[in-house]
């Protein structure tokens, strides 16, 4: 009688375990069925196929007889339409292969447009100018002897004085000399009256006249004696007087063209040798 309870307990435990396994299995099957029911059906692939077949049907379908008569076209079959579309795509898209064209037709909407080649812009041709040698041969910078008179260039000197007054804000007596000198360094000197005050060549000292032409290395000056002098800038010091202001130009540091001087920054120096 002492062993009966143990055997009863084991049988009861086995029955309970089997019942739980059955209910768990049924519950798993039910949950799996519910998940399968909740999952969306694979409709996307079939819809794409339907769309592609519908597009092909529209693309390769023949024209109605009435429309063909109005347009004066000969109706074509589906195979002829396929051949025409493939040939047109080859002409309009020459860089693509047949496989790429078929891929575009099956997956994407195609806009049939004419393939335009980009035109190259023509290069602008620079206008040819005379070289320095050609200018010398033509004598463009030479002043004729009949025009080498001091009196002819006095109006040019008056215009230059008015130009300097406007540039230096009127050249008032209380104007700063440094401001006047900085303006003169970048100003146009055609028409200015200059005097050679110092020079390593004694024959240049004392030459006074109106500047007719300024080059990179020389000044062309017309004197009161109606003589055209070519004075080099190097090793010479020039003085310019404007309304009582006297400015000195060191030619060795002034070897620039008038167009280049307007954009150059000059540095102040205490003493400058010839």
C-alpha atoms as a PDB file:
ATOM      1  CA  UNK A   1       0.000   0.000   0.000  1.00  0.00           C
ATOM      2  CA  UNK A   2       3.003   2.395   0.464  1.00  0.00           C
ATOM      3  CA  UNK A   3       3.964   2.331  -3.231  1.00  0.00           C
ATOM      4  CA  UNK A   4       0.565   3.277  -4.641  1.00  0.00           C
ATOM      5  CA  UNK A   5       0.818   7.054  -4.167  1.00  0.00           C
ATOM      6  CA  UNK A   6       4.103   7.271  -6.070  1.00  0.00           C
ATOM      7  CA  UNK A   7       2.763   5.380  -9.059  1.00  0.00           C
ATOM      8  CA  UNK A   8      -0.367   7.526  -9.104  1.00  0.00           C
ATOM      9  CA  UNK A   9       1.726  10.690  -9.051  1.00  0.00           C
ATOM     10  CA  UNK A  10       3.856   9.614 -12.034  1.00  0.00           C
ATOM     11  CA  UNK A  11       0.857   8.699 -14.132  1.00  0.00           C
ATOM     12  CA  UNK A  12      -0.833  11.997 -13.332  1.00  0.00           C
ATOM     13  CA  UNK A  13       2.339  13.911 -14.263  1.00  0.00           C
ATOM     14  CA  UNK A  14       2.642  12.091 -17.556  1.00  0.00           C
ATOM     15  CA  UNK A  15      -0.951  12.842 -18.444  1.00  0.00           C
ATOM     16  CA  UNK A  16      -0.486  16.514 -17.644  1.00  0.00           C
ATOM     17  CA  UNK A  17       2.682  16.760 -19.760  1.00  0.00           C
ATOM     18  CA  UNK A  18       1.021  15.089 -22.717  1.00  0.00           C
ATOM     19  CA  UNK A  19      -1.952  17.423 -22.427  1.00  0.00           C
ATOM     20  CA  UNK A  20       0.338  20.466 -22.362  1.00  0.00           C
ATOM     21  CA  UNK A  21       2.290  19.247 -25.392  1.00  0.00           C
ATOM     22  CA  UNK A  22      -0.939  18.753 -27.302  1.00  0.00           C
ATOM     23  CA  UNK A  23      -2.269  22.193 -26.401  1.00  0.00           C
ATOM     24  CA  UNK A  24       1.124  23.799 -27.167  1.00  0.00           C
ATOM     25  CA  UNK A  25       1.288  22.100 -30.557  1.00  0.00           C
ATOM     26  CA  UNK A  26      -2.243  23.177 -31.383  1.00  0.00           C
ATOM     27  CA  UNK A  27      -1.469  26.729 -30.265  1.00  0.00           C
ATOM     28  CA  UNK A  28       1.693  26.819 -32.423  1.00  0.00           C
ATOM     29  CA  UNK A  29      -0.217  25.611 -35.446  1.00  0.00           C
ATOM     30  CA  UNK A  30      -2.914  28.208 -34.895  1.00  0.00           C
ATOM     31  CA  UNK A  31      -0.384  31.066 -34.478  1.00  0.00           C
ATOM     32  CA  UNK A  32       1.460  29.992 -37.626  1.00  0.00           C
ATOM     33  CA  UNK A  33      -1.823  29.942 -39.551  1.00  0.00           C
ATOM     34  CA  UNK A  34      -2.693  33.404 -38.245  1.00  0.00           C
ATOM     35  CA  UNK A  35       0.715  34.798 -39.280  1.00  0.00           C
ATOM     36  CA  UNK A  36       0.353  33.281 -42.737  1.00  0.00           C
ATOM     37  CA  UNK A  37      -3.089  34.832 -43.042  1.00  0.00           C
ATOM     38  CA  UNK A  38      -1.775  38.246 -41.993  1.00  0.00           C
ATOM     39  CA  UNK A  39       1.123  38.185 -44.485  1.00  0.00           C
ATOM     40  CA  UNK A  40       0.458  40.107 -47.755  1.00  0.00           C
ATOM     41  CA  UNK A  41       0.229  38.027 -50.876  1.00  0.00           C
ATOM     42  CA  UNK A  42       3.056  38.438 -53.481  1.00  0.00           C
ATOM     43  CA  UNK A  43       1.126  40.752 -55.783  1.00  0.00           C
ATOM     44  CA  UNK A  44       3.941  43.166 -56.812  1.00  0.00           C
ATOM     45  CA  UNK A  45       5.676  40.809 -59.208  1.00  0.00           C
ATOM     46  CA  UNK A  46       2.451  39.826 -60.913  1.00  0.00           C
ATOM     47  CA  UNK A  47       1.353  43.474 -61.164  1.00  0.00           C
ATOM     48  CA  UNK A  48       4.657  44.386 -62.844  1.00  0.00           C
ATOM     49  CA  UNK A  49       4.237  41.586 -65.349  1.00  0.00           C
ATOM     50  CA  UNK A  50       0.687  42.690 -66.068  1.00  0.00           C
ATOM     51  CA  UNK A  51       1.812  46.298 -66.543  1.00  0.00           C
ATOM     52  CA  UNK A  52       4.659  45.325 -68.857  1.00  0.00           C
ATOM     53  CA  UNK A  53       2.376  43.123 -70.947  1.00  0.00           C
ATOM     54  CA  UNK A  54      -0.219  45.902 -71.084  1.00  0.00           C
ATOM     55  CA  UNK A  55       2.425  48.435 -72.164  1.00  0.00           C
ATOM     56  CA  UNK A  56       3.700  46.079 -74.837  1.00  0.00           C
ATOM     57  CA  UNK A  57       0.167  45.522 -76.057  1.00  0.00           C
ATOM     58  CA  UNK A  58      -0.438  49.269 -76.351  1.00  0.00           C
ATOM     59  CA  UNK A  59       2.988  49.931 -77.864  1.00  0.00           C
ATOM     60  CA  UNK A  60       2.832  47.233 -80.515  1.00  0.00           C
ATOM     61  CA  UNK A  61      -0.891  47.376 -81.260  1.00  0.00           C
ATOM     62  CA  UNK A  62      -1.887  48.371 -84.773  1.00  0.00           C
ATOM     63  CA  UNK A  63      -3.635  51.595 -85.677  1.00  0.00           C
ATOM     64  CA  UNK A  64      -7.367  51.523 -86.360  1.00  0.00           C
ATOM     65  CA  UNK A  65      -8.298  51.630 -90.013  1.00  0.00           C
ATOM     66  CA  UNK A  66     -10.052  55.003 -89.708  1.00  0.00           C
ATOM     67  CA  UNK A  67      -7.018  56.629 -88.046  1.00  0.00           C
ATOM     68  CA  UNK A  68      -4.700  55.083 -90.650  1.00  0.00           C
ATOM     69  CA  UNK A  69      -6.832  56.513 -93.462  1.00  0.00           C
ATOM     70  CA  UNK A  70      -6.875  59.990 -91.901  1.00  0.00           C
ATOM     71  CA  UNK A  71      -3.105  59.956 -91.351  1.00  0.00           C
ATOM     72  CA  UNK A  72      -2.505  58.298 -94.720  1.00  0.00           C
ATOM     73  CA  UNK A  73      -0.443  55.544 -93.154  1.00  0.00           C
ATOM     74  CA  UNK A  74      -0.211  51.887 -93.984  1.00  0.00           C
ATOM     75  CA  UNK A  75      -1.299  49.746 -91.013  1.00  0.00           C
ATOM     76  CA  UNK A  76       1.391  47.463 -89.618  1.00  0.00           C
ATOM     77  CA  UNK A  77       1.343  44.249 -87.673  1.00  0.00           C
ATOM     78  CA  UNK A  78       2.778  43.645 -84.204  1.00  0.00           C
ATOM     79  CA  UNK A  79       6.029  42.155 -85.516  1.00  0.00           C
ATOM     80  CA  UNK A  80       6.625  45.078 -87.866  1.00  0.00           C
ATOM     81  CA  UNK A  81       5.912  47.473 -84.996  1.00  0.00           C
ATOM     82  CA  UNK A  82       8.427  45.658 -82.805  1.00  0.00           C
ATOM     83  CA  UNK A  83      11.058  45.893 -85.531  1.00  0.00           C
ATOM     84  CA  UNK A  84      10.368  49.613 -86.020  1.00  0.00           C
ATOM     85  CA  UNK A  85      10.593  50.387 -82.282  1.00  0.00           C
ATOM     86  CA  UNK A  86      13.834  48.464 -81.865  1.00  0.00           C
ATOM     87  CA  UNK A  87      15.380  50.181 -84.902  1.00  0.00           C
ATOM     88  CA  UNK A  88      14.243  53.595 -83.664  1.00  0.00           C
ATOM     89  CA  UNK A  89      15.736  52.936 -80.239  1.00  0.00           C
ATOM     90  CA  UNK A  90      19.017  51.867 -81.810  1.00  0.00           C
ATOM     91  CA  UNK A  91      19.178  55.166 -83.718  1.00  0.00           C
ATOM     92  CA  UNK A  92      18.142  57.309 -80.770  1.00  0.00           C
ATOM     93  CA  UNK A  93      20.304  55.467 -78.219  1.00  0.00           C
ATOM     94  CA  UNK A  94      23.397  54.328 -80.115  1.00  0.00           C
ATOM     95  CA  UNK A  95      25.506  53.859 -76.994  1.00  0.00           C
ATOM     96  CA  UNK A  96      23.245  51.153 -75.494  1.00  0.00           C
ATOM     97  CA  UNK A  97      23.225  47.471 -76.328  1.00  0.00           C
ATOM     98  CA  UNK A  98      20.163  45.399 -77.260  1.00  0.00           C
ATOM     99  CA  UNK A  99      19.967  43.914 -73.776  1.00  0.00           C
ATOM    100  CA  UNK A 100      19.947  47.369 -72.184  1.00  0.00           C
ATOM    101  CA  UNK A 101      17.211  48.516 -74.569  1.00  0.00           C
ATOM    102  CA  UNK A 102      15.071  45.509 -73.728  1.00  0.00           C
ATOM    103  CA  UNK A 103      15.668  46.164 -70.039  1.00  0.00           C
ATOM    104  CA  UNK A 104      14.476  49.754 -70.460  1.00  0.00           C
ATOM    105  CA  UNK A 105      11.384  48.616 -72.357  1.00  0.00           C
ATOM    106  CA  UNK A 106      10.379  46.034 -69.784  1.00  0.00           C
ATOM    107  CA  UNK A 107      11.008  48.065 -66.624  1.00  0.00           C
ATOM    108  CA  UNK A 108      10.729  51.786 -67.423  1.00  0.00           C
ATOM    109  CA  UNK A 109       8.505  54.118 -69.377  1.00  0.00           C
ATOM    110  CA  UNK A 110      10.308  55.342 -72.492  1.00  0.00           C
ATOM    111  CA  UNK A 111       9.877  58.859 -73.895  1.00  0.00           C
ATOM    112  CA  UNK A 112      10.575  58.693 -77.615  1.00  0.00           C
ATOM    113  CA  UNK A 113      12.652  61.769 -78.429  1.00  0.00           C
ATOM    114  CA  UNK A 114      15.185  62.529 -81.095  1.00  0.00           C
ATOM    115  CA  UNK A 115      18.786  62.177 -79.968  1.00  0.00           C
ATOM    116  CA  UNK A 116      20.405  65.601 -80.443  1.00  0.00           C
ATOM    117  CA  UNK A 117      24.153  65.902 -80.612  1.00  0.00           C
ATOM    118  CA  UNK A 118      25.699  68.772 -78.711  1.00  0.00           C
ATOM    119  CA  UNK A 119      27.236  71.356 -80.941  1.00  0.00           C
ATOM    120  CA  UNK A 120      30.672  72.551 -80.050  1.00  0.00           C
ATOM    121  CA  UNK A 121      30.881  76.257 -79.416  1.00  0.00           C
ATOM    122  CA  UNK A 122      33.216  77.967 -81.858  1.00  0.00           C
ATOM    123  CA  UNK A 123      36.303  79.402 -80.244  1.00  0.00           C
ATOM    124  CA  UNK A 124      36.613  83.131 -80.301  1.00  0.00           C
ATOM    125  CA  UNK A 125      39.464  84.291 -82.407  1.00  0.00           C
ATOM    126  CA  UNK A 126      41.586  87.015 -80.910  1.00  0.00           C
ATOM    127  CA  UNK A 127      42.014  90.093 -83.011  1.00  0.00           C
ATOM    128  CA  UNK A 128      45.519  90.338 -84.381  1.00  0.00           C
ATOM    129  CA  UNK A 129      47.469  93.430 -83.378  1.00  0.00           C
ATOM    130  CA  UNK A 130      50.671  94.893 -84.684  1.00  0.00           C
ATOM    131  CA  UNK A 131      53.898  93.700 -83.151  1.00  0.00           C
ATOM    132  CA  UNK A 132      56.495  96.133 -81.854  1.00  0.00           C
ATOM    133  CA  UNK A 133      58.603  95.565 -84.959  1.00  0.00           C
ATOM    134  CA  UNK A 134      55.668  96.314 -87.248  1.00  0.00           C
ATOM    135  CA  UNK A 135      54.890  99.483 -85.309  1.00  0.00           C
ATOM    136  CA  UNK A 136      58.450 100.665 -85.678  1.00  0.00           C
ATOM    137  CA  UNK A 137      58.416  99.916 -89.395  1.00  0.00           C
ATOM    138  CA  UNK A 138      55.141 101.803 -89.877  1.00  0.00           C
ATOM    139  CA  UNK A 139      56.406 104.697 -87.754  1.00  0.00           C
ATOM    140  CA  UNK A 140      53.310 104.917 -85.579  1.00  0.00           C
ATOM    141  CA  UNK A 141      55.155 106.571 -82.682  1.00  0.00           C
ATOM    142  CA  UNK A 142      57.240 108.965 -84.707  1.00  0.00           C
ATOM    143  CA  UNK A 143      56.403 112.676 -84.721  1.00  0.00           C
ATOM    144  CA  UNK A 144      56.883 114.375 -88.067  1.00  0.00           C
ATOM    145  CA  UNK A 145      59.368 117.293 -88.168  1.00  0.00           C
ATOM    146  CA  UNK A 146      56.620 119.717 -89.225  1.00  0.00           C
ATOM    147  CA  UNK A 147      54.734 118.986 -85.988  1.00  0.00           C
ATOM    148  CA  UNK A 148      57.743 119.313 -83.672  1.00  0.00           C
ATOM    149  CA  UNK A 149      56.822 122.769 -82.391  1.00  0.00           C
ATOM    150  CA  UNK A 150      56.484 123.782 -78.754  1.00  0.00           C
ATOM    151  CA  UNK A 151      53.497 126.060 -79.383  1.00  0.00           C
ATOM    152  CA  UNK A 152      51.369 123.208 -80.749  1.00  0.00           C
ATOM    153  CA  UNK A 153      51.532 121.334 -77.433  1.00  0.00           C
ATOM    154  CA  UNK A 154      50.763 124.214 -75.043  1.00  0.00           C
ATOM    155  CA  UNK A 155      47.005 123.360 -75.072  1.00  0.00           C
ATOM    156  CA  UNK A 156      47.976 119.803 -74.094  1.00  0.00           C
ATOM    157  CA  UNK A 157      49.878 121.214 -71.113  1.00  0.00           C
ATOM    158  CA  UNK A 158      46.839 123.256 -70.022  1.00  0.00           C
ATOM    159  CA  UNK A 159      44.675 120.142 -70.179  1.00  0.00           C
ATOM    160  CA  UNK A 160      47.219 118.247 -68.090  1.00  0.00           C
ATOM    161  CA  UNK A 161      47.231 120.949 -65.398  1.00  0.00           C
ATOM    162  CA  UNK A 162      43.434 120.774 -65.155  1.00  0.00           C
ATOM    163  CA  UNK A 163      43.662 116.980 -64.982  1.00  0.00           C
ATOM    164  CA  UNK A 164      46.150 117.154 -62.085  1.00  0.00           C
ATOM    165  CA  UNK A 165      44.004 119.684 -60.206  1.00  0.00           C
ATOM    166  CA  UNK A 166      40.991 117.397 -60.433  1.00  0.00           C
ATOM    167  CA  UNK A 167      43.104 114.400 -59.448  1.00  0.00           C
ATOM    168  CA  UNK A 168      44.586 116.139 -56.368  1.00  0.00           C
ATOM    169  CA  UNK A 169      41.281 117.662 -55.209  1.00  0.00           C
ATOM    170  CA  UNK A 170      42.073 121.189 -56.374  1.00  0.00           C
ATOM    171  CA  UNK A 171      45.724 121.445 -55.198  1.00  0.00           C
ATOM    172  CA  UNK A 172      44.838 123.698 -52.291  1.00  0.00           C
ATOM    173  CA  UNK A 173      47.649 125.428 -50.344  1.00  0.00           C
ATOM    174  CA  UNK A 174      46.951 123.263 -47.281  1.00  0.00           C
ATOM    175  CA  UNK A 175      47.205 120.026 -49.283  1.00  0.00           C
ATOM    176  CA  UNK A 176      49.695 117.465 -48.013  1.00  0.00           C
ATOM    177  CA  UNK A 177      52.806 117.031 -50.227  1.00  0.00           C
ATOM    178  CA  UNK A 178      52.786 113.265 -49.717  1.00  0.00           C
ATOM    179  CA  UNK A 179      49.288 113.039 -51.173  1.00  0.00           C
ATOM    180  CA  UNK A 180      50.327 115.084 -54.224  1.00  0.00           C
ATOM    181  CA  UNK A 181      53.417 112.938 -54.782  1.00  0.00           C
ATOM    182  CA  UNK A 182      51.460 109.682 -54.480  1.00  0.00           C
ATOM    183  CA  UNK A 183      48.957 110.961 -57.063  1.00  0.00           C
ATOM    184  CA  UNK A 184      51.702 112.081 -59.450  1.00  0.00           C
ATOM    185  CA  UNK A 185      53.412 108.694 -59.295  1.00  0.00           C
ATOM    186  CA  UNK A 186      50.302 107.039 -60.796  1.00  0.00           C
ATOM    187  CA  UNK A 187      49.179 109.944 -62.995  1.00  0.00           C
ATOM    188  CA  UNK A 188      49.526 110.243 -66.757  1.00  0.00           C
ATOM    189  CA  UNK A 189      52.456 112.559 -67.526  1.00  0.00           C
ATOM    190  CA  UNK A 190      51.683 113.298 -71.186  1.00  0.00           C
ATOM    191  CA  UNK A 191      51.577 117.098 -71.336  1.00  0.00           C
ATOM    192  CA  UNK A 192      53.533 117.749 -68.123  1.00  0.00           C
ATOM    193  CA  UNK A 193      56.457 120.193 -68.061  1.00  0.00           C
ATOM    194  CA  UNK A 194      59.510 118.454 -66.595  1.00  0.00           C
ATOM    195  CA  UNK A 195      63.100 119.484 -65.955  1.00  0.00           C
ATOM    196  CA  UNK A 196      66.135 117.252 -65.616  1.00  0.00           C
ATOM    197  CA  UNK A 197      67.692 118.372 -62.283  1.00  0.00           C
ATOM    198  CA  UNK A 198      70.286 115.613 -61.726  1.00  0.00           C
ATOM    199  CA  UNK A 199      71.942 113.175 -64.063  1.00  0.00           C
ATOM    200  CA  UNK A 200      75.063 111.068 -64.394  1.00  0.00           C
ATOM    201  CA  UNK A 201      75.370 112.509 -67.903  1.00  0.00           C
ATOM    202  CA  UNK A 202      75.941 116.307 -67.601  1.00  0.00           C
ATOM    203  CA  UNK A 203      74.489 117.009 -71.055  1.00  0.00           C
ATOM    204  CA  UNK A 204      70.983 116.066 -69.835  1.00  0.00           C
ATOM    205  CA  UNK A 205      70.960 118.473 -66.877  1.00  0.00           C
ATOM    206  CA  UNK A 206      68.770 121.520 -67.488  1.00  0.00           C
ATOM    207  CA  UNK A 207      66.615 120.095 -70.279  1.00  0.00           C
ATOM    208  CA  UNK A 208      63.094 121.466 -69.841  1.00  0.00           C
ATOM    209  CA  UNK A 209      60.057 120.771 -71.973  1.00  0.00           C
ATOM    210  CA  UNK A 210      56.664 119.122 -72.393  1.00  0.00           C
ATOM    211  CA  UNK A 211      56.469 115.339 -72.312  1.00  0.00           C
ATOM    212  CA  UNK A 212      55.033 114.176 -75.624  1.00  0.00           C
ATOM    213  CA  UNK A 213      55.566 110.453 -75.279  1.00  0.00           C
ATOM    214  CA  UNK A 214      56.382 108.214 -72.328  1.00  0.00           C
ATOM    215  CA  UNK A 215      57.831 104.779 -72.869  1.00  0.00           C
ATOM    216  CA  UNK A 216      59.109 102.239 -70.405  1.00  0.00           C
ATOM    217  CA  UNK A 217      62.691 103.518 -70.408  1.00  0.00           C
ATOM    218  CA  UNK A 218      62.635 106.990 -72.025  1.00  0.00           C
ATOM    219  CA  UNK A 219      60.773 110.306 -72.184  1.00  0.00           C
ATOM    220  CA  UNK A 220      60.315 112.201 -75.438  1.00  0.00           C
ATOM    221  CA  UNK A 221      60.383 115.925 -74.572  1.00  0.00           C
ATOM    222  CA  UNK A 222      59.776 118.951 -76.814  1.00  0.00           C
ATOM    223  CA  UNK A 223      61.790 121.993 -75.704  1.00  0.00           C
ATOM    224  CA  UNK A 224      61.078 125.672 -76.211  1.00  0.00           C
ATOM    225  CA  UNK A 225      63.661 125.624 -79.011  1.00  0.00           C
ATOM    226  CA  UNK A 226      61.361 123.235 -80.942  1.00  0.00           C
ATOM    227  CA  UNK A 227      63.794 120.370 -80.490  1.00  0.00           C
ATOM    228  CA  UNK A 228      62.663 116.834 -79.704  1.00  0.00           C
ATOM    229  CA  UNK A 229      64.838 115.284 -76.976  1.00  0.00           C
ATOM    230  CA  UNK A 230      64.897 111.625 -76.029  1.00  0.00           C
ATOM    231  CA  UNK A 231      65.916 111.457 -72.358  1.00  0.00           C
ATOM    232  CA  UNK A 232      66.390 108.074 -70.632  1.00  0.00           C
ATOM    233  CA  UNK A 233      64.819 107.545 -67.239  1.00  0.00           C
ATOM    234  CA  UNK A 234      67.696 105.635 -65.724  1.00  0.00           C
ATOM    235  CA  UNK A 235      70.331 107.666 -63.835  1.00  0.00           C
ATOM    236  CA  UNK A 236      68.209 110.860 -64.095  1.00  0.00           C
ATOM    237  CA  UNK A 237      66.088 112.870 -61.656  1.00  0.00           C
ATOM    238  CA  UNK A 238      63.152 114.908 -63.007  1.00  0.00           C
ATOM    239  CA  UNK A 239      61.255 117.732 -61.320  1.00  0.00           C
ATOM    240  CA  UNK A 240      57.575 118.512 -61.984  1.00  0.00           C
ATOM    241  CA  UNK A 241      56.013 121.806 -60.839  1.00  0.00           C
ATOM    242  CA  UNK A 242      52.234 122.152 -60.502  1.00  0.00           C
ATOM    243  CA  UNK A 243      50.716 125.278 -58.888  1.00  0.00           C
ATOM    244  CA  UNK A 244      53.680 125.796 -56.543  1.00  0.00           C
ATOM    245  CA  UNK A 245      54.125 122.088 -55.643  1.00  0.00           C
ATOM    246  CA  UNK A 246      57.463 120.685 -56.800  1.00  0.00           C
ATOM    247  CA  UNK A 247      57.801 116.914 -56.994  1.00  0.00           C
ATOM    248  CA  UNK A 248      60.919 114.935 -57.879  1.00  0.00           C
ATOM    249  CA  UNK A 249      60.823 111.738 -59.905  1.00  0.00           C
ATOM    250  CA  UNK A 250      63.736 109.301 -59.724  1.00  0.00           C
ATOM    251  CA  UNK A 251      63.845 107.749 -63.179  1.00  0.00           C
ATOM    252  CA  UNK A 252      65.732 104.645 -62.097  1.00  0.00           C
ATOM    253  CA  UNK A 253      62.691 103.643 -59.961  1.00  0.00           C
ATOM    254  CA  UNK A 254      60.231 104.882 -62.585  1.00  0.00           C
ATOM    255  CA  UNK A 255      60.949 102.477 -65.433  1.00  0.00           C
ATOM    256  CA  UNK A 256      57.365 101.482 -66.071  1.00  0.00           C
ATOM    257  CA  UNK A 257      54.750 102.203 -68.678  1.00  0.00           C
ATOM    258  CA  UNK A 258      51.935 104.604 -67.844  1.00  0.00           C
ATOM    259  CA  UNK A 259      49.402 101.765 -67.795  1.00  0.00           C
ATOM    260  CA  UNK A 260      51.585  99.706 -65.439  1.00  0.00           C
ATOM    261  CA  UNK A 261      52.215 102.602 -63.034  1.00  0.00           C
ATOM    262  CA  UNK A 262      48.501 103.084 -62.375  1.00  0.00           C
ATOM    263  CA  UNK A 263      48.293  99.650 -60.706  1.00  0.00           C
ATOM    264  CA  UNK A 264      51.716  99.573 -58.979  1.00  0.00           C
ATOM    265  CA  UNK A 265      52.253 100.279 -55.291  1.00  0.00           C
ATOM    266  CA  UNK A 266      55.321 102.414 -54.706  1.00  0.00           C
ATOM    267  CA  UNK A 267      57.211 102.079 -51.421  1.00  0.00           C
ATOM    268  CA  UNK A 268      58.593 105.081 -49.580  1.00  0.00           C
ATOM    269  CA  UNK A 269      62.384 105.145 -49.238  1.00  0.00           C
ATOM    270  CA  UNK A 270      64.576 107.576 -47.337  1.00  0.00           C
ATOM    271  CA  UNK A 271      67.402 108.074 -49.832  1.00  0.00           C
ATOM    272  CA  UNK A 272      67.632 106.930 -53.422  1.00  0.00           C
ATOM    273  CA  UNK A 273      70.829 107.009 -55.453  1.00  0.00           C
ATOM    274  CA  UNK A 274      70.968 107.873 -59.122  1.00  0.00           C
END
